[in-house]
Amino acid sequence: MIPVVLALVDKIIPAIVTTGDSQAKREGNDLLFMCCSRECARLLKDALQEEKELFDEIRTLGLSADTPP
C-alpha cells in the first residue's frame, strides 16, 4: 500500500499497487482504492480527476518543484 496525496483537498488516501501479472493490471489499473460507498467512490474519482488536471496544467506550463519562482 502507498499513500496518495490529494493536495487540492488536503488528504492522503491509501492505495493498493497492482502487480504486473494481476487482472487489474491487465485491465489498465495501476492503483486500487477502497471506498465505503458509491458516493465516496464518486467523490474520490472527482478529486483524482481534479488532481490530474492540475498536474497536466503544471506540466504544460513547464513548471516543476525544481523550477525557481
PDB file of N, CA and C in Angstrom:
ATOM      1  N   MET A   1       0.842  -1.171   0.000  1.00  0.00           N
ATOM      2  CA  MET A   1       0.000   0.000   0.000  1.00  0.00           C
ATOM      3  C   MET A   1       0.892   1.241   0.000  1.00  0.00           C
ATOM      4  N   ILE A   2       0.431   2.273  -0.724  1.00  0.00           N
ATOM      5  CA  ILE A   2       1.170   3.534  -0.764  1.00  0.00           C
ATOM      6  C   ILE A   2       0.222   4.687  -0.461  1.00  0.00           C
ATOM      7  N   PRO A   3       0.741   5.773   0.085  1.00  0.00           N
ATOM      8  CA  PRO A   3      -0.097   6.952   0.300  1.00  0.00           C
ATOM      9  C   PRO A   3      -0.166   7.793  -0.974  1.00  0.00           C
ATOM     10  N   VAL A   4      -1.362   8.209  -1.342  1.00  0.00           N
ATOM     11  CA  VAL A   4      -1.560   9.106  -2.480  1.00  0.00           C
ATOM     12  C   VAL A   4      -2.010  10.447  -1.919  1.00  0.00           C
ATOM     13  N   VAL A   5      -1.221  11.477  -2.161  1.00  0.00           N
ATOM     14  CA  VAL A   5      -1.520  12.814  -1.645  1.00  0.00           C
ATOM     15  C   VAL A   5      -2.453  13.535  -2.614  1.00  0.00           C
ATOM     16  N   LEU A   6      -3.586  13.979  -2.100  1.00  0.00           N
ATOM     17  CA  LEU A   6      -4.517  14.808  -2.864  1.00  0.00           C
ATOM     18  C   LEU A   6      -4.378  16.226  -2.326  1.00  0.00           C
ATOM     19  N   ALA A   7      -3.529  17.002  -2.988  1.00  0.00           N
ATOM     20  CA  ALA A   7      -3.177  18.330  -2.493  1.00  0.00           C
ATOM     21  C   ALA A   7      -4.358  19.287  -2.486  1.00  0.00           C
ATOM     22  N   LEU A   8      -5.226  19.192  -3.486  1.00  0.00           N
ATOM     23  CA  LEU A   8      -6.330  20.152  -3.590  1.00  0.00           C
ATOM     24  C   LEU A   8      -7.362  20.000  -2.480  1.00  0.00           C
ATOM     25  N   VAL A   9      -7.489  18.796  -1.932  1.00  0.00           N
ATOM     26  CA  VAL A   9      -8.445  18.586  -0.843  1.00  0.00           C
ATOM     27  C   VAL A   9      -7.740  18.301   0.486  1.00  0.00           C
ATOM     28  N   ASP A  10      -6.385  18.415   0.469  1.00  0.00           N
ATOM     29  CA  ASP A  10      -5.573  18.250   1.676  1.00  0.00           C
ATOM     30  C   ASP A  10      -5.852  16.918   2.372  1.00  0.00           C
ATOM     31  N   LYS A  11      -5.744  15.819   1.596  1.00  0.00           N
ATOM     32  CA  LYS A  11      -5.962  14.483   2.149  1.00  0.00           C
ATOM     33  C   LYS A  11      -4.903  13.530   1.617  1.00  0.00           C
ATOM     34  N   ILE A  12      -4.647  12.502   2.402  1.00  0.00           N
ATOM     35  CA  ILE A  12      -3.785  11.408   1.979  1.00  0.00           C
ATOM     36  C   ILE A  12      -4.642  10.152   1.963  1.00  0.00           C
ATOM     37  N   ILE A  13      -4.692   9.498   0.805  1.00  0.00           N
ATOM     38  CA  ILE A  13      -5.552   8.335   0.610  1.00  0.00           C
ATOM     39  C   ILE A  13      -4.667   7.114   0.375  1.00  0.00           C
ATOM     40  N   PRO A  14      -4.871   6.008   1.110  1.00  0.00           N
ATOM     41  CA  PRO A  14      -4.077   4.809   0.844  1.00  0.00           C
ATOM     42  C   PRO A  14      -4.541   4.128  -0.444  1.00  0.00           C
ATOM     43  N   ALA A  15      -3.580   3.638  -1.210  1.00  0.00           N
ATOM     44  CA  ALA A  15      -3.885   2.942  -2.458  1.00  0.00           C
ATOM     45  C   ALA A  15      -3.127   1.620  -2.497  1.00  0.00           C
ATOM     46  N   ILE A  16      -3.723   0.643  -3.142  1.00  0.00           N
ATOM     47  CA  ILE A  16      -3.092  -0.658  -3.347  1.00  0.00           C
ATOM     48  C   ILE A  16      -2.460  -0.642  -4.733  1.00  0.00           C
ATOM     49  N   VAL A  17      -1.192  -1.017  -4.813  1.00  0.00           N
ATOM     50  CA  VAL A  17      -0.484  -1.075  -6.088  1.00  0.00           C
ATOM     51  C   VAL A  17      -0.713  -2.454  -6.695  1.00  0.00           C
ATOM     52  N   THR A  18      -1.181  -2.484  -7.941  1.00  0.00           N
ATOM     53  CA  THR A  18      -1.432  -3.766  -8.596  1.00  0.00           C
ATOM     54  C   THR A  18      -0.109  -4.403  -9.024  1.00  0.00           C
ATOM     55  N   THR A  19      -0.077  -5.716  -9.056  1.00  0.00           N
ATOM     56  CA  THR A  19       1.109  -6.434  -9.508  1.00  0.00           C
ATOM     57  C   THR A  19       1.063  -6.595 -11.026  1.00  0.00           C
ATOM     58  N   GLY A  20       2.231  -6.791 -11.621  1.00  0.00           N
ATOM     59  CA  GLY A  20       2.335  -6.865 -13.070  1.00  0.00           C
ATOM     60  C   GLY A  20       1.530  -7.988 -13.701  1.00  0.00           C
ATOM     61  N   ASP A  21       1.275  -9.055 -12.959  1.00  0.00           N
ATOM     62  CA  ASP A  21       0.553 -10.190 -13.529  1.00  0.00           C
ATOM     63  C   ASP A  21      -0.911 -10.261 -13.083  1.00  0.00           C
ATOM     64  N   SER A  22      -1.425  -9.194 -12.457  1.00  0.00           N
ATOM     65  CA  SER A  22      -2.805  -9.228 -11.961  1.00  0.00           C
ATOM     66  C   SER A  22      -3.815  -8.874 -13.052  1.00  0.00           C
ATOM     67  N   GLN A  23      -5.027  -9.333 -12.861  1.00  0.00           N
ATOM     68  CA  GLN A  23      -6.120  -8.992 -13.779  1.00  0.00           C
ATOM     69  C   GLN A  23      -6.332  -7.480 -13.807  1.00  0.00           C
ATOM     70  N   ALA A  24      -6.264  -6.840 -12.649  1.00  0.00           N
ATOM     71  CA  ALA A  24      -6.444  -5.383 -12.575  1.00  0.00           C
ATOM     72  C   ALA A  24      -5.413  -4.670 -13.444  1.00  0.00           C
ATOM     73  N   LYS A  25      -4.161  -5.117 -13.391  1.00  0.00           N
ATOM     74  CA  LYS A  25      -3.098  -4.501 -14.187  1.00  0.00           C
ATOM     75  C   LYS A  25      -3.356  -4.723 -15.682  1.00  0.00           C
ATOM     76  N   ARG A  26      -3.789  -5.928 -16.046  1.00  0.00           N
ATOM     77  CA  ARG A  26      -4.093  -6.222 -17.450  1.00  0.00           C
ATOM     78  C   ARG A  26      -5.236  -5.346 -17.961  1.00  0.00           C
ATOM     79  N   GLU A  27      -6.113  -4.920 -17.053  1.00  0.00           N
ATOM     80  CA  GLU A  27      -7.230  -4.044 -17.421  1.00  0.00           C
ATOM     81  C   GLU A  27      -6.832  -2.569 -17.393  1.00  0.00           C
ATOM     82  N   GLY A  28      -5.540  -2.298 -17.132  1.00  0.00           N
ATOM     83  CA  GLY A  28      -5.044  -0.927 -17.166  1.00  0.00           C
ATOM     84  C   GLY A  28      -5.101  -0.183 -15.851  1.00  0.00           C
ATOM     85  N   ASN A  29      -5.307  -0.893 -14.755  1.00  0.00           N
ATOM     86  CA  ASN A  29      -5.380  -0.259 -13.431  1.00  0.00           C
ATOM     87  C   ASN A  29      -4.064  -0.429 -12.693  1.00  0.00           C
ATOM     88  N   ASP A  30      -3.415   0.698 -12.372  1.00  0.00           N
ATOM     89  CA  ASP A  30      -2.151   0.656 -11.641  1.00  0.00           C
ATOM     90  C   ASP A  30      -2.360   0.736 -10.136  1.00  0.00           C
ATOM     91  N   LEU A  31      -3.431   1.418  -9.717  1.00  0.00           N
ATOM     92  CA  LEU A  31      -3.745   1.583  -8.300  1.00  0.00           C
ATOM     93  C   LEU A  31      -5.197   1.206  -8.047  1.00  0.00           C
ATOM     94  N   LEU A  32      -5.461   0.687  -6.857  1.00  0.00           N
ATOM     95  CA  LEU A  32      -6.825   0.385  -6.436  1.00  0.00           C
ATOM     96  C   LEU A  32      -7.096   1.122  -5.134  1.00  0.00           C
ATOM     97  N   PHE A  33      -8.298   1.643  -4.995  1.00  0.00           N
ATOM     98  CA  PHE A  33      -8.718   2.352  -3.794  1.00  0.00           C
ATOM     99  C   PHE A  33      -9.924   1.658  -3.195  1.00  0.00           C
ATOM    100  N   MET A  34      -9.960   1.566  -1.881  1.00  0.00           N
ATOM    101  CA  MET A  34     -11.117   1.025  -1.181  1.00  0.00           C
ATOM    102  C   MET A  34     -12.002   2.193  -0.764  1.00  0.00           C
ATOM    103  N   CYS A  35     -13.291   2.062  -1.020  1.00  0.00           N
ATOM    104  CA  CYS A  35     -14.246   3.119  -0.659  1.00  0.00           C
ATOM    105  C   CYS A  35     -15.395   2.513   0.127  1.00  0.00           C
ATOM    106  N   CYS A  36     -15.973   3.328   1.003  1.00  0.00           N
ATOM    107  CA  CYS A  36     -17.036   2.839   1.876  1.00  0.00           C
ATOM    108  C   CYS A  36     -18.411   2.850   1.212  1.00  0.00           C
ATOM    109  N   SER A  37     -18.545   3.587   0.113  1.00  0.00           N
ATOM    110  CA  SER A  37     -19.836   3.662  -0.572  1.00  0.00           C
ATOM    111  C   SER A  37     -19.625   4.138  -2.005  1.00  0.00           C
ATOM    112  N   ARG A  38     -20.663   4.039  -2.803  1.00  0.00           N
ATOM    113  CA  ARG A  38     -20.592   4.548  -4.182  1.00  0.00           C
ATOM    114  C   ARG A  38     -20.389   6.062  -4.184  1.00  0.00           C
ATOM    115  N   GLU A  39     -21.005   6.743  -3.243  1.00  0.00           N
ATOM    116  CA  GLU A  39     -20.848   8.204  -3.153  1.00  0.00           C
ATOM    117  C   GLU A  39     -19.400   8.562  -2.829  1.00  0.00           C
ATOM    118  N   CYS A  40     -18.810   7.834  -1.902  1.00  0.00           N
ATOM    119  CA  CYS A  40     -17.393   8.054  -1.557  1.00  0.00           C
ATOM    120  C   CYS A  40     -16.515   7.791  -2.786  1.00  0.00           C
ATOM    121  N   ALA A  41     -16.805   6.734  -3.520  1.00  0.00           N
ATOM    122  CA  ALA A  41     -16.040   6.411  -4.728  1.00  0.00           C
ATOM    123  C   ALA A  41     -16.176   7.519  -5.770  1.00  0.00           C
ATOM    124  N   ARG A  42     -17.360   8.059  -5.913  1.00  0.00           N
ATOM    125  CA  ARG A  42     -17.581   9.149  -6.877  1.00  0.00           C
ATOM    126  C   ARG A  42     -16.790  10.386  -6.475  1.00  0.00           C
ATOM    127  N   LEU A  43     -16.830  10.722  -5.193  1.00  0.00           N
ATOM    128  CA  LEU A  43     -16.083  11.883  -4.703  1.00  0.00           C
ATOM    129  C   LEU A  43     -14.573  11.699  -4.890  1.00  0.00           C
ATOM    130  N   LEU A  44     -14.082  10.479  -4.628  1.00  0.00           N
ATOM    131  CA  LEU A  44     -12.664  10.198  -4.820  1.00  0.00           C
ATOM    132  C   LEU A  44     -12.301  10.293  -6.299  1.00  0.00           C
ATOM    133  N   LYS A  45     -13.137   9.745  -7.151  1.00  0.00           N
ATOM    134  CA  LYS A  45     -12.885   9.822  -8.595  1.00  0.00           C
ATOM    135  C   LYS A  45     -12.817  11.271  -9.068  1.00  0.00           C
ATOM    136  N   ASP A  46     -13.733  12.095  -8.591  1.00  0.00           N
ATOM    137  CA  ASP A  46     -13.737  13.521  -8.944  1.00  0.00           C
ATOM    138  C   ASP A  46     -12.462  14.217  -8.450  1.00  0.00           C
ATOM    139  N   ALA A  47     -12.066  13.920  -7.205  1.00  0.00           N
ATOM    140  CA  ALA A  47     -10.863  14.539  -6.636  1.00  0.00           C
ATOM    141  C   ALA A  47      -9.611  14.109  -7.409  1.00  0.00           C
ATOM    142  N   LEU A  48      -9.528  12.832  -7.773  1.00  0.00           N
ATOM    143  CA  LEU A  48      -8.384  12.356  -8.555  1.00  0.00           C
ATOM    144  C   LEU A  48      -8.333  13.028  -9.920  1.00  0.00           C
ATOM    145  N   GLN A  49      -9.483  13.230 -10.538  1.00  0.00           N
ATOM    146  CA  GLN A  49      -9.533  13.899 -11.835  1.00  0.00           C
ATOM    147  C   GLN A  49      -9.054  15.345 -11.716  1.00  0.00           C
ATOM    148  N   GLU A  50      -9.461  16.040 -10.667  1.00  0.00           N
ATOM    149  CA  GLU A  50      -9.019  17.420 -10.451  1.00  0.00           C
ATOM    150  C   GLU A  50      -7.507  17.485 -10.240  1.00  0.00           C
ATOM    151  N   GLU A  51      -6.963  16.538  -9.483  1.00  0.00           N
ATOM    152  CA  GLU A  51      -5.516  16.489  -9.263  1.00  0.00           C
ATOM    153  C   GLU A  51      -4.795  16.245 -10.594  1.00  0.00           C
ATOM    154  N   LYS A  52      -5.310  15.318 -11.393  1.00  0.00           N
ATOM    155  CA  LYS A  52      -4.698  15.024 -12.688  1.00  0.00           C
ATOM    156  C   LYS A  52      -4.702  16.265 -13.576  1.00  0.00           C
ATOM    157  N   GLU A  53      -5.814  16.982 -13.601  1.00  0.00           N
ATOM    158  CA  GLU A  53      -5.898  18.200 -14.413  1.00  0.00           C
ATOM    159  C   GLU A  53      -4.885  19.243 -13.948  1.00  0.00           C
ATOM    160  N   LEU A  54      -4.692  19.367 -12.634  1.00  0.00           N
ATOM    161  CA  LEU A  54      -3.705  20.298 -12.099  1.00  0.00           C
ATOM    162  C   LEU A  54      -2.305  19.910 -12.556  1.00  0.00           C
ATOM    163  N   PHE A  55      -1.946  18.633 -12.424  1.00  0.00           N
ATOM    164  CA  PHE A  55      -0.619  18.187 -12.851  1.00  0.00           C
ATOM    165  C   PHE A  55      -0.429  18.362 -14.351  1.00  0.00           C
ATOM    166  N   ASP A  56      -1.468  18.102 -15.136  1.00  0.00           N
ATOM    167  CA  ASP A  56      -1.374  18.305 -16.588  1.00  0.00           C
ATOM    168  C   ASP A  56      -1.111  19.774 -16.907  1.00  0.00           C
ATOM    169  N   GLU A  57      -1.782  20.665 -16.186  1.00  0.00           N
ATOM    170  CA  GLU A  57      -1.592  22.100 -16.400  1.00  0.00           C
ATOM    171  C   GLU A  57      -0.174  22.528 -16.016  1.00  0.00           C
ATOM    172  N   ILE A  58       0.313  22.023 -14.903  1.00  0.00           N
ATOM    173  CA  ILE A  58       1.673  22.351 -14.469  1.00  0.00           C
ATOM    174  C   ILE A  58       2.684  21.838 -15.492  1.00  0.00           C
ATOM    175  N   ARG A  59       2.475  20.629 -15.969  1.00  0.00           N
ATOM    176  CA  ARG A  59       3.390  20.064 -16.967  1.00  0.00           C
ATOM    177  C   ARG A  59       3.356  20.885 -18.255  1.00  0.00           C
ATOM    178  N   THR A  60       2.172  21.321 -18.672  1.00  0.00           N
ATOM    179  CA  THR A  60       2.026  22.136 -19.876  1.00  0.00           C
ATOM    180  C   THR A  60       2.788  23.452 -19.739  1.00  0.00           C
ATOM    181  N   LEU A  61       2.776  24.019 -18.546  1.00  0.00           N
ATOM    182  CA  LEU A  61       3.477  25.273 -18.298  1.00  0.00           C
ATOM    183  C   LEU A  61       4.978  25.076 -18.140  1.00  0.00           C
ATOM    184  N   GLY A  62       5.410  23.827 -18.042  1.00  0.00           N
ATOM    185  CA  GLY A  62       6.826  23.537 -17.898  1.00  0.00           C
ATOM    186  C   GLY A  62       7.347  23.787 -16.505  1.00  0.00           C
ATOM    187  N   LEU A  63       6.467  23.790 -15.516  1.00  0.00           N
ATOM    188  CA  LEU A  63       6.885  24.044 -14.144  1.00  0.00           C
ATOM    189  C   LEU A  63       7.194  22.724 -13.442  1.00  0.00           C
ATOM    190  N   SER A  64       8.061  22.787 -12.481  1.00  0.00           N
ATOM    191  CA  SER A  64       8.339  21.632 -11.639  1.00  0.00           C
ATOM    192  C   SER A  64       8.747  22.130 -10.256  1.00  0.00           C
ATOM    193  N   ALA A  65       8.910  21.207  -9.345  1.00  0.00           N
ATOM    194  CA  ALA A  65       9.324  21.582  -7.983  1.00  0.00           C
ATOM    195  C   ALA A  65      10.719  22.181  -7.990  1.00  0.00           C
ATOM    196  N   ASP A  66      11.509  21.873  -9.027  1.00  0.00           N
ATOM    197  CA  ASP A  66      12.877  22.377  -9.113  1.00  0.00           C
ATOM    198  C   ASP A  66      12.968  23.744  -9.803  1.00  0.00           C
ATOM    199  N   THR A  67      11.852  24.216 -10.376  1.00  0.00           N
ATOM    200  CA  THR A  67      11.854  25.488 -11.086  1.00  0.00           C
ATOM    201  C   THR A  67      11.786  26.635 -10.080  1.00  0.00           C
ATOM    202  N   PRO A  68      12.758  27.549 -10.111  1.00  0.00           N
ATOM    203  CA  PRO A  68      12.705  28.674  -9.178  1.00  0.00           C
ATOM    204  C   PRO A  68      11.544  29.611  -9.530  1.00  0.00           C
ATOM    205  N   PRO A  69      10.976  30.275  -8.531  1.00  0.00           N
ATOM    206  CA  PRO A  69       9.837  31.171  -8.792  1.00  0.00           C
ATOM    207  C   PRO A  69      10.234  32.393  -9.619  1.00  0.00           C
TER     208      PRO A  69
END
